[in-house]
Amino acid sequence: MSVRIALGIEYDGSHFLGWQTQPCGGTAQDALEAALATIADEPVAVTCAGRTDRGVHARGQVVHFDTGAARPASAWVRGVNALLPPAMAVRWAREVASSFHARYCARARTYRYVLLNRAVRPALGARYSGWFHVPLDVGRMREAAAALVGEHDFSAFRSSACQAKSPVRTLYELEIERSGDRIDFVLRANAFLHHMARNIVGALLYVGSGRRSPEWVREVLESRVRARAAPTVAPQGLYLESVEYEPHWALPVGWSQAHALPLVH
């Protein structure tokens, strides 16, 4: 008899060739499935809440898989972690109903983009943050960000390779906070298009640096033309912070933030 297991995982995206499995291997999915298959003693295929690109990190990724293996939850955590590379770890495991789906049951996702805003590029933190050398005005960026909150057609902020059937998404929150040289962009939405978070941050950098006015972001959004927006920012600063589900699934809440890794400056 098959059971469905949900896992909460974190990983350092700089060590993997993105999330999605590749024929040559080397992805986060490849590493996880290999470890799970050893514990289950059978092939295992996982489905994630949100695919991440090469260099993008995850503090709160959620996956599910089906297996005929009867194992205690500790086997899916400590046993799998013993087989995973150091750059990935399973934080929790829960048996869930067969109707649970890591992607389709998610009601919201939160991404965080960490940016170092200083004249000199980072060295120790280069794999864990973006960098912008021109001083940024957070007030101007917050003004521009307000136009993006709500349900919109985000075609101007999706990549040409995006496979989503609809470009309409609901951005619930877009918060921008500065602490010294560090600026955090926190985006919470029902779902994200490919490169949507990084393209939004890129547009806000144009505004914060004075290259464009705050009103320009609304104009870009309404144009629905990707070519009118700013370049995509580097992946190193992006983190899949958390994935939210309805309470009846009884999955851990807030675990990713509670165990967040510090940024190396």
C-alpha atoms as a PDB file:
ATOM      1  CA  MET A   1       0.000   0.000   0.000  1.00  0.00           C
ATOM      2  CA  SER A   2       1.366   3.387  -0.994  1.00  0.00           C
ATOM      3  CA  VAL A   3       1.533   6.380   1.350  1.00  0.00           C
ATOM      4  CA  ARG A   4       2.208  10.034   0.591  1.00  0.00           C
ATOM      5  CA  ILE A   5       4.925  11.844   2.533  1.00  0.00           C
ATOM      6  CA  ALA A   6       5.497  15.610   2.699  1.00  0.00           C
ATOM      7  CA  LEU A   7       8.941  17.008   3.507  1.00  0.00           C
ATOM      8  CA  GLY A   8      10.192  20.459   4.439  1.00  0.00           C
ATOM      9  CA  ILE A   9      13.684  21.072   3.094  1.00  0.00           C
ATOM     10  CA  GLU A  10      16.310  23.771   2.866  1.00  0.00           C
ATOM     11  CA  TYR A  11      19.264  24.008   0.505  1.00  0.00           C
ATOM     12  CA  ASP A  12      22.112  26.188  -0.629  1.00  0.00           C
ATOM     13  CA  GLY A  13      21.368  26.801  -4.291  1.00  0.00           C
ATOM     14  CA  SER A  14      24.983  27.635  -5.131  1.00  0.00           C
ATOM     15  CA  HIS A  15      25.810  23.921  -4.900  1.00  0.00           C
ATOM     16  CA  PHE A  16      23.153  22.723  -7.355  1.00  0.00           C
ATOM     17  CA  LEU A  17      22.248  23.202 -11.015  1.00  0.00           C
ATOM     18  CA  GLY A  18      18.797  24.449 -10.053  1.00  0.00           C
ATOM     19  CA  TRP A  19      15.926  22.392  -8.653  1.00  0.00           C
ATOM     20  CA  GLN A  20      14.540  20.402 -11.583  1.00  0.00           C
ATOM     21  CA  THR A  21      16.138  17.075 -12.473  1.00  0.00           C
ATOM     22  CA  GLN A  22      18.509  17.022 -15.440  1.00  0.00           C
ATOM     23  CA  PRO A  23      19.872  14.112 -17.518  1.00  0.00           C
ATOM     24  CA  CYS A  24      23.381  14.998 -16.344  1.00  0.00           C
ATOM     25  CA  GLY A  25      22.326  15.169 -12.685  1.00  0.00           C
ATOM     26  CA  GLY A  26      23.629  17.767 -10.257  1.00  0.00           C
ATOM     27  CA  THR A  27      20.290  19.330  -9.312  1.00  0.00           C
ATOM     28  CA  ALA A  28      18.624  19.612  -5.919  1.00  0.00           C
ATOM     29  CA  GLN A  29      15.862  17.242  -7.026  1.00  0.00           C
ATOM     30  CA  ASP A  30      18.432  14.684  -8.184  1.00  0.00           C
ATOM     31  CA  ALA A  31      20.205  14.752  -4.819  1.00  0.00           C
ATOM     32  CA  LEU A  32      16.986  14.414  -2.824  1.00  0.00           C
ATOM     33  CA  GLU A  33      15.503  11.634  -4.928  1.00  0.00           C
ATOM     34  CA  ALA A  34      18.714   9.594  -4.737  1.00  0.00           C
ATOM     35  CA  ALA A  35      18.775   9.818  -0.935  1.00  0.00           C
ATOM     36  CA  LEU A  36      15.069   9.010  -0.620  1.00  0.00           C
ATOM     37  CA  ALA A  37      15.399   6.025  -2.976  1.00  0.00           C
ATOM     38  CA  THR A  38      18.110   4.544  -0.772  1.00  0.00           C
ATOM     39  CA  ILE A  39      15.974   4.821   2.364  1.00  0.00           C
ATOM     40  CA  ALA A  40      12.829   3.568   0.579  1.00  0.00           C
ATOM     41  CA  ASP A  41      14.717   0.837  -1.296  1.00  0.00           C
ATOM     42  CA  GLU A  42      12.766   1.799  -4.423  1.00  0.00           C
ATOM     43  CA  PRO A  43      12.766   4.660  -6.972  1.00  0.00           C
ATOM     44  CA  VAL A  44      11.238   7.867  -5.609  1.00  0.00           C
ATOM     45  CA  ALA A  45       9.961  10.874  -7.577  1.00  0.00           C
ATOM     46  CA  VAL A  46       9.288  14.109  -5.707  1.00  0.00           C
ATOM     47  CA  THR A  47       7.068  17.066  -6.558  1.00  0.00           C
ATOM     48  CA  CYS A  48       8.005  20.475  -5.161  1.00  0.00           C
ATOM     49  CA  ALA A  49       5.990  23.554  -4.239  1.00  0.00           C
ATOM     50  CA  GLY A  50       8.134  25.840  -6.387  1.00  0.00           C
ATOM     51  CA  ARG A  51      11.028  25.176  -8.761  1.00  0.00           C
ATOM     52  CA  THR A  52      14.098  27.290  -8.123  1.00  0.00           C
ATOM     53  CA  ASP A  53      16.746  28.336 -10.639  1.00  0.00           C
ATOM     54  CA  ARG A  54      20.461  27.689 -10.394  1.00  0.00           C
ATOM     55  CA  GLY A  55      21.934  29.752  -7.566  1.00  0.00           C
ATOM     56  CA  VAL A  56      18.573  30.337  -5.827  1.00  0.00           C
ATOM     57  CA  HIS A  57      18.307  29.101  -2.248  1.00  0.00           C
ATOM     58  CA  ALA A  58      15.438  27.635  -0.233  1.00  0.00           C
ATOM     59  CA  ARG A  59      14.696  27.895   3.468  1.00  0.00           C
ATOM     60  CA  GLY A  60      11.150  26.597   3.218  1.00  0.00           C
ATOM     61  CA  GLN A  61      10.760  24.345   0.181  1.00  0.00           C
ATOM     62  CA  VAL A  62       8.035  21.700   0.493  1.00  0.00           C
ATOM     63  CA  VAL A  63       7.885  18.470  -1.511  1.00  0.00           C
ATOM     64  CA  HIS A  64       5.756  15.344  -1.558  1.00  0.00           C
ATOM     65  CA  PHE A  65       6.321  11.804  -2.810  1.00  0.00           C
ATOM     66  CA  ASP A  66       4.552   8.449  -2.802  1.00  0.00           C
ATOM     67  CA  THR A  67       6.171   5.300  -1.521  1.00  0.00           C
ATOM     68  CA  GLY A  68       5.310   1.743  -0.640  1.00  0.00           C
ATOM     69  CA  ALA A  69       8.005   1.693   2.023  1.00  0.00           C
ATOM     70  CA  ALA A  70       6.889   1.718   5.655  1.00  0.00           C
ATOM     71  CA  ARG A  71       9.377   3.923   7.487  1.00  0.00           C
ATOM     72  CA  PRO A  72       9.199   6.050  10.649  1.00  0.00           C
ATOM     73  CA  ALA A  73       9.325   9.828  10.193  1.00  0.00           C
ATOM     74  CA  SER A  74      12.862   9.821  11.596  1.00  0.00           C
ATOM     75  CA  ALA A  75      14.043   7.756   8.605  1.00  0.00           C
ATOM     76  CA  TRP A  76      12.798  10.432   6.209  1.00  0.00           C
ATOM     77  CA  VAL A  77      14.643  13.093   8.212  1.00  0.00           C
ATOM     78  CA  ARG A  78      17.804  11.785   9.872  1.00  0.00           C
ATOM     79  CA  GLY A  79      18.211   8.822   7.547  1.00  0.00           C
ATOM     80  CA  VAL A  80      17.861  10.915   4.390  1.00  0.00           C
ATOM     81  CA  ASN A  81      20.058  13.703   5.788  1.00  0.00           C
ATOM     82  CA  ALA A  82      22.855  11.191   6.325  1.00  0.00           C
ATOM     83  CA  LEU A  83      22.822  10.572   2.570  1.00  0.00           C
ATOM     84  CA  LEU A  84      22.333  14.130   1.332  1.00  0.00           C
ATOM     85  CA  PRO A  85      25.181  16.506   0.478  1.00  0.00           C
ATOM     86  CA  PRO A  86      25.932  19.102   3.184  1.00  0.00           C
ATOM     87  CA  ALA A  87      24.208  21.812   1.130  1.00  0.00           C
ATOM     88  CA  MET A  88      20.756  20.243   1.634  1.00  0.00           C
ATOM     89  CA  ALA A  89      18.792  19.104   4.674  1.00  0.00           C
ATOM     90  CA  VAL A  90      15.339  17.719   5.415  1.00  0.00           C
ATOM     91  CA  ARG A  91      13.836  19.627   8.345  1.00  0.00           C
ATOM     92  CA  TRP A  92      10.619  17.644   8.857  1.00  0.00           C
ATOM     93  CA  ALA A  93       8.550  14.803   7.455  1.00  0.00           C
ATOM     94  CA  ARG A  94       4.795  14.182   7.701  1.00  0.00           C
ATOM     95  CA  GLU A  95       2.527  11.503   6.287  1.00  0.00           C
ATOM     96  CA  VAL A  96      -0.298  13.286   4.446  1.00  0.00           C
ATOM     97  CA  ALA A  97      -3.495  12.334   2.654  1.00  0.00           C
ATOM     98  CA  SER A  98      -3.187  11.212  -0.973  1.00  0.00           C
ATOM     99  CA  SER A  99      -5.063  14.385  -1.982  1.00  0.00           C
ATOM    100  CA  PHE A 100      -2.215  16.599  -0.756  1.00  0.00           C
ATOM    101  CA  HIS A 101      -0.113  18.175  -3.504  1.00  0.00           C
ATOM    102  CA  ALA A 102       2.935  20.272  -2.643  1.00  0.00           C
ATOM    103  CA  ARG A 103       2.345  22.643  -5.559  1.00  0.00           C
ATOM    104  CA  TYR A 104      -1.396  22.758  -6.139  1.00  0.00           C
ATOM    105  CA  CYS A 105      -2.434  22.827  -2.466  1.00  0.00           C
ATOM    106  CA  ALA A 106      -0.137  25.757  -1.653  1.00  0.00           C
ATOM    107  CA  ARG A 107      -2.134  28.925  -0.957  1.00  0.00           C
ATOM    108  CA  ALA A 108       0.830  31.325  -0.851  1.00  0.00           C
ATOM    109  CA  ARG A 109       4.579  31.480  -1.336  1.00  0.00           C
ATOM    110  CA  THR A 110       7.064  33.967   0.067  1.00  0.00           C
ATOM    111  CA  TYR A 111      10.361  34.861  -1.565  1.00  0.00           C
ATOM    112  CA  ARG A 112      13.048  37.046  -0.010  1.00  0.00           C
ATOM    113  CA  TYR A 113      15.685  38.847  -2.049  1.00  0.00           C
ATOM    114  CA  VAL A 114      18.736  39.907  -0.051  1.00  0.00           C
ATOM    115  CA  LEU A 115      20.746  42.759  -1.537  1.00  0.00           C
ATOM    116  CA  LEU A 116      23.981  44.353  -0.363  1.00  0.00           C
ATOM    117  CA  ASN A 117      23.883  48.034  -1.290  1.00  0.00           C
ATOM    118  CA  ARG A 118      27.402  49.397  -1.023  1.00  0.00           C
ATOM    119  CA  ALA A 119      30.151  50.664  -3.269  1.00  0.00           C
ATOM    120  CA  VAL A 120      32.372  47.573  -2.972  1.00  0.00           C
ATOM    121  CA  ARG A 121      31.256  44.116  -4.079  1.00  0.00           C
ATOM    122  CA  PRO A 122      30.968  41.383  -1.426  1.00  0.00           C
ATOM    123  CA  ALA A 123      33.353  38.456  -1.214  1.00  0.00           C
ATOM    124  CA  LEU A 124      32.227  36.258   1.699  1.00  0.00           C
ATOM    125  CA  GLY A 125      28.563  36.874   0.965  1.00  0.00           C
ATOM    126  CA  ALA A 126      28.780  36.704  -2.816  1.00  0.00           C
ATOM    127  CA  ARG A 127      26.895  33.383  -3.012  1.00  0.00           C
ATOM    128  CA  TYR A 128      24.134  34.502  -0.664  1.00  0.00           C
ATOM    129  CA  SER A 129      23.191  38.025  -1.726  1.00  0.00           C
ATOM    130  CA  GLY A 130      22.795  40.285  -4.699  1.00  0.00           C
ATOM    131  CA  TRP A 131      24.860  43.473  -4.941  1.00  0.00           C
ATOM    132  CA  PHE A 132      24.132  46.976  -6.200  1.00  0.00           C
ATOM    133  CA  HIS A 133      26.810  49.661  -5.989  1.00  0.00           C
ATOM    134  CA  VAL A 134      24.676  52.807  -6.442  1.00  0.00           C
ATOM    135  CA  PRO A 135      23.001  54.148  -3.242  1.00  0.00           C
ATOM    136  CA  LEU A 136      19.306  53.219  -3.227  1.00  0.00           C
ATOM    137  CA  ASP A 137      16.365  55.264  -1.956  1.00  0.00           C
ATOM    138  CA  VAL A 138      14.095  52.839  -0.087  1.00  0.00           C
ATOM    139  CA  GLY A 139      11.270  55.381   0.070  1.00  0.00           C
ATOM    140  CA  ARG A 140      11.116  55.649  -3.725  1.00  0.00           C
ATOM    141  CA  MET A 141      11.176  51.875  -4.101  1.00  0.00           C
ATOM    142  CA  ARG A 142       8.328  51.445  -1.604  1.00  0.00           C
ATOM    143  CA  GLU A 143       6.270  53.993  -3.527  1.00  0.00           C
ATOM    144  CA  ALA A 144       6.849  52.087  -6.757  1.00  0.00           C
ATOM    145  CA  ALA A 145       6.183  48.711  -5.122  1.00  0.00           C
ATOM    146  CA  ALA A 146       2.689  49.767  -4.073  1.00  0.00           C
ATOM    147  CA  ALA A 147       1.547  49.655  -7.712  1.00  0.00           C
ATOM    148  CA  LEU A 148       2.394  45.953  -7.920  1.00  0.00           C
ATOM    149  CA  VAL A 149       0.386  44.744  -4.928  1.00  0.00           C
ATOM    150  CA  GLY A 150      -2.895  43.078  -5.868  1.00  0.00           C
ATOM    151  CA  GLU A 151      -4.080  40.916  -8.757  1.00  0.00           C
ATOM    152  CA  HIS A 152      -2.393  41.855 -12.031  1.00  0.00           C
ATOM    153  CA  ASP A 153      -1.196  40.538 -15.357  1.00  0.00           C
ATOM    154  CA  PHE A 154       2.556  40.281 -14.648  1.00  0.00           C
ATOM    155  CA  SER A 155       3.594  39.605 -18.248  1.00  0.00           C
ATOM    156  CA  ALA A 156       6.146  42.433 -18.059  1.00  0.00           C
ATOM    157  CA  PHE A 157       7.871  40.599 -15.206  1.00  0.00           C
ATOM    158  CA  ARG A 158       7.948  37.024 -16.527  1.00  0.00           C
ATOM    159  CA  SER A 159      10.757  35.378 -18.474  1.00  0.00           C
ATOM    160  CA  SER A 160      10.394  34.387 -22.113  1.00  0.00           C
ATOM    161  CA  ALA A 161      10.816  30.765 -20.997  1.00  0.00           C
ATOM    162  CA  CYS A 162       7.894  30.925 -18.548  1.00  0.00           C
ATOM    163  CA  GLN A 163       5.475  28.046 -19.147  1.00  0.00           C
ATOM    164  CA  ALA A 164       2.603  29.274 -16.963  1.00  0.00           C
ATOM    165  CA  LYS A 165      -0.742  29.186 -18.758  1.00  0.00           C
ATOM    166  CA  SER A 166      -1.822  32.520 -17.272  1.00  0.00           C
ATOM    167  CA  PRO A 167       0.317  35.575 -16.406  1.00  0.00           C
ATOM    168  CA  VAL A 168      -2.198  36.720 -13.781  1.00  0.00           C
ATOM    169  CA  ARG A 169      -0.979  36.480 -10.201  1.00  0.00           C
ATOM    170  CA  THR A 170      -1.963  38.066  -6.885  1.00  0.00           C
ATOM    171  CA  LEU A 171       0.872  39.749  -5.036  1.00  0.00           C
ATOM    172  CA  TYR A 172      -0.306  39.994  -1.420  1.00  0.00           C
ATOM    173  CA  GLU A 173       2.665  41.859   0.007  1.00  0.00           C
ATOM    174  CA  LEU A 174       5.863  43.516  -1.138  1.00  0.00           C
ATOM    175  CA  GLU A 175       7.924  44.798   1.773  1.00  0.00           C
ATOM    176  CA  ILE A 176      11.293  46.544   1.552  1.00  0.00           C
ATOM    177  CA  GLU A 177      13.479  46.915   4.647  1.00  0.00           C
ATOM    178  CA  ARG A 178      16.986  48.306   5.070  1.00  0.00           C
ATOM    179  CA  SER A 179      19.452  47.419   7.825  1.00  0.00           C
ATOM    180  CA  GLY A 180      22.822  49.050   7.238  1.00  0.00           C
ATOM    181  CA  ASP A 181      24.115  47.928   3.845  1.00  0.00           C
ATOM    182  CA  ARG A 182      21.524  45.177   3.578  1.00  0.00           C
ATOM    183  CA  ILE A 183      18.152  45.644   1.880  1.00  0.00           C
ATOM    184  CA  ASP A 184      15.545  42.867   2.002  1.00  0.00           C
ATOM    185  CA  PHE A 185      12.733  42.618  -0.548  1.00  0.00           C
ATOM    186  CA  VAL A 186      10.019  40.263   0.726  1.00  0.00           C
ATOM    187  CA  LEU A 187       7.375  39.217  -1.817  1.00  0.00           C
ATOM    188  CA  ARG A 188       4.347  37.111  -0.876  1.00  0.00           C
ATOM    189  CA  ALA A 189       1.955  35.929  -3.589  1.00  0.00           C
ATOM    190  CA  ASN A 190      -0.431  33.117  -4.414  1.00  0.00           C
ATOM    191  CA  ALA A 191       2.135  31.968  -6.995  1.00  0.00           C
ATOM    192  CA  PHE A 192       5.028  33.352  -9.022  1.00  0.00           C
ATOM    193  CA  LEU A 193       5.855  33.366 -12.705  1.00  0.00           C
ATOM    194  CA  HIS A 194       9.333  32.350 -13.869  1.00  0.00           C
ATOM    195  CA  HIS A 195      11.793  35.102 -12.840  1.00  0.00           C
ATOM    196  CA  MET A 196       8.909  37.247 -11.552  1.00  0.00           C
ATOM    197  CA  ALA A 197      10.486  38.020  -8.166  1.00  0.00           C
ATOM    198  CA  ARG A 198      13.904  38.795  -9.633  1.00  0.00           C
ATOM    199  CA  ASN A 199      12.430  40.950 -12.396  1.00  0.00           C
ATOM    200  CA  ILE A 200      10.381  42.954  -9.912  1.00  0.00           C
ATOM    201  CA  VAL A 201      13.467  43.596  -7.795  1.00  0.00           C
ATOM    202  CA  GLY A 202      15.358  44.657 -10.932  1.00  0.00           C
ATOM    203  CA  ALA A 203      12.681  47.233 -11.736  1.00  0.00           C
ATOM    204  CA  LEU A 204      12.728  48.567  -8.179  1.00  0.00           C
ATOM    205  CA  LEU A 205      16.504  49.033  -8.373  1.00  0.00           C
ATOM    206  CA  TYR A 206      16.010  51.274 -11.413  1.00  0.00           C
ATOM    207  CA  VAL A 207      13.662  53.402  -9.307  1.00  0.00           C
ATOM    208  CA  GLY A 208      15.759  53.369  -6.144  1.00  0.00           C
ATOM    209  CA  SER A 209      18.856  54.494  -8.025  1.00  0.00           C
ATOM    210  CA  GLY A 210      16.995  57.384  -9.663  1.00  0.00           C
ATOM    211  CA  ARG A 211      17.191  55.943 -13.161  1.00  0.00           C
ATOM    212  CA  ARG A 212      13.387  55.761 -13.376  1.00  0.00           C
ATOM    213  CA  SER A 213      10.491  57.391 -11.512  1.00  0.00           C
ATOM    214  CA  PRO A 214       8.221  55.436  -9.149  1.00  0.00           C
ATOM    215  CA  GLU A 215       5.378  55.872 -11.664  1.00  0.00           C
ATOM    216  CA  TRP A 216       7.427  54.025 -14.278  1.00  0.00           C
ATOM    217  CA  VAL A 217       6.837  50.673 -12.543  1.00  0.00           C
ATOM    218  CA  ARG A 218       3.080  51.034 -12.970  1.00  0.00           C
ATOM    219  CA  GLU A 219       3.594  51.934 -16.635  1.00  0.00           C
ATOM    220  CA  VAL A 220       5.717  48.827 -17.167  1.00  0.00           C
ATOM    221  CA  LEU A 221       3.148  46.632 -15.409  1.00  0.00           C
ATOM    222  CA  GLU A 222       0.306  47.981 -17.533  1.00  0.00           C
ATOM    223  CA  SER A 223       2.319  47.622 -20.749  1.00  0.00           C
ATOM    224  CA  ARG A 224       2.616  43.840 -20.240  1.00  0.00           C
ATOM    225  CA  VAL A 225       5.830  44.021 -22.284  1.00  0.00           C
ATOM    226  CA  ARG A 226       8.920  42.388 -20.778  1.00  0.00           C
ATOM    227  CA  ALA A 227      11.298  44.448 -22.933  1.00  0.00           C
ATOM    228  CA  ARG A 228      10.145  47.648 -21.218  1.00  0.00           C
ATOM    229  CA  ALA A 229      11.257  46.468 -17.768  1.00  0.00           C
ATOM    230  CA  ALA A 230      14.688  46.245 -16.159  1.00  0.00           C
ATOM    231  CA  PRO A 231      17.176  43.345 -16.390  1.00  0.00           C
ATOM    232  CA  THR A 232      16.765  40.302 -14.171  1.00  0.00           C
ATOM    233  CA  VAL A 233      18.829  40.563 -10.983  1.00  0.00           C
ATOM    234  CA  ALA A 234      21.343  37.864 -10.037  1.00  0.00           C
ATOM    235  CA  PRO A 235      19.912  34.643  -8.525  1.00  0.00           C
ATOM    236  CA  GLN A 236      22.277  34.493  -5.536  1.00  0.00           C
ATOM    237  CA  GLY A 237      20.186  36.853  -3.414  1.00  0.00           C
ATOM    238  CA  LEU A 238      16.892  34.975  -3.825  1.00  0.00           C
ATOM    239  CA  TYR A 239      15.453  32.622  -1.209  1.00  0.00           C
ATOM    240  CA  LEU A 240      12.239  30.592  -1.279  1.00  0.00           C
ATOM    241  CA  GLU A 241      11.377  31.610   2.250  1.00  0.00           C
ATOM    242  CA  SER A 242       8.174  29.701   2.941  1.00  0.00           C
ATOM    243  CA  VAL A 243       5.141  27.963   1.457  1.00  0.00           C
ATOM    244  CA  GLU A 244       1.732  28.244   3.099  1.00  0.00           C
ATOM    245  CA  TYR A 245      -1.008  25.597   3.248  1.00  0.00           C
ATOM    246  CA  GLU A 246      -4.460  25.386   4.779  1.00  0.00           C
ATOM    247  CA  PRO A 247      -4.375  24.458   8.500  1.00  0.00           C
ATOM    248  CA  HIS A 248      -6.133  21.118   7.982  1.00  0.00           C
ATOM    249  CA  TRP A 249      -2.993  19.706   6.366  1.00  0.00           C
ATOM    250  CA  ALA A 250      -1.294  20.053   9.785  1.00  0.00           C
ATOM    251  CA  LEU A 251       2.107  20.967   8.360  1.00  0.00           C
ATOM    252  CA  PRO A 252       4.642  22.906  10.448  1.00  0.00           C
ATOM    253  CA  VAL A 253       4.070  26.665  10.419  1.00  0.00           C
ATOM    254  CA  GLY A 254       6.905  29.193  10.477  1.00  0.00           C
ATOM    255  CA  TRP A 255       9.642  26.569  10.652  1.00  0.00           C
ATOM    256  CA  SER A 256      11.702  28.046   7.828  1.00  0.00           C
ATOM    257  CA  GLN A 257      11.960  31.494   9.398  1.00  0.00           C
ATOM    258  CA  ALA A 258      12.748  30.066  12.812  1.00  0.00           C
ATOM    259  CA  HIS A 259      15.732  28.177  11.429  1.00  0.00           C
ATOM    260  CA  ALA A 260      16.865  30.722   8.848  1.00  0.00           C
ATOM    261  CA  LEU A 261      20.582  30.720   8.121  1.00  0.00           C
ATOM    262  CA  PRO A 262      22.416  34.012   8.728  1.00  0.00           C
ATOM    263  CA  LEU A 263      23.680  35.954   5.742  1.00  0.00           C
ATOM    264  CA  VAL A 264      27.466  36.049   5.486  1.00  0.00           C
ATOM    265  CA  HIS A 265      28.581  39.634   4.843  1.00  0.00           C
END
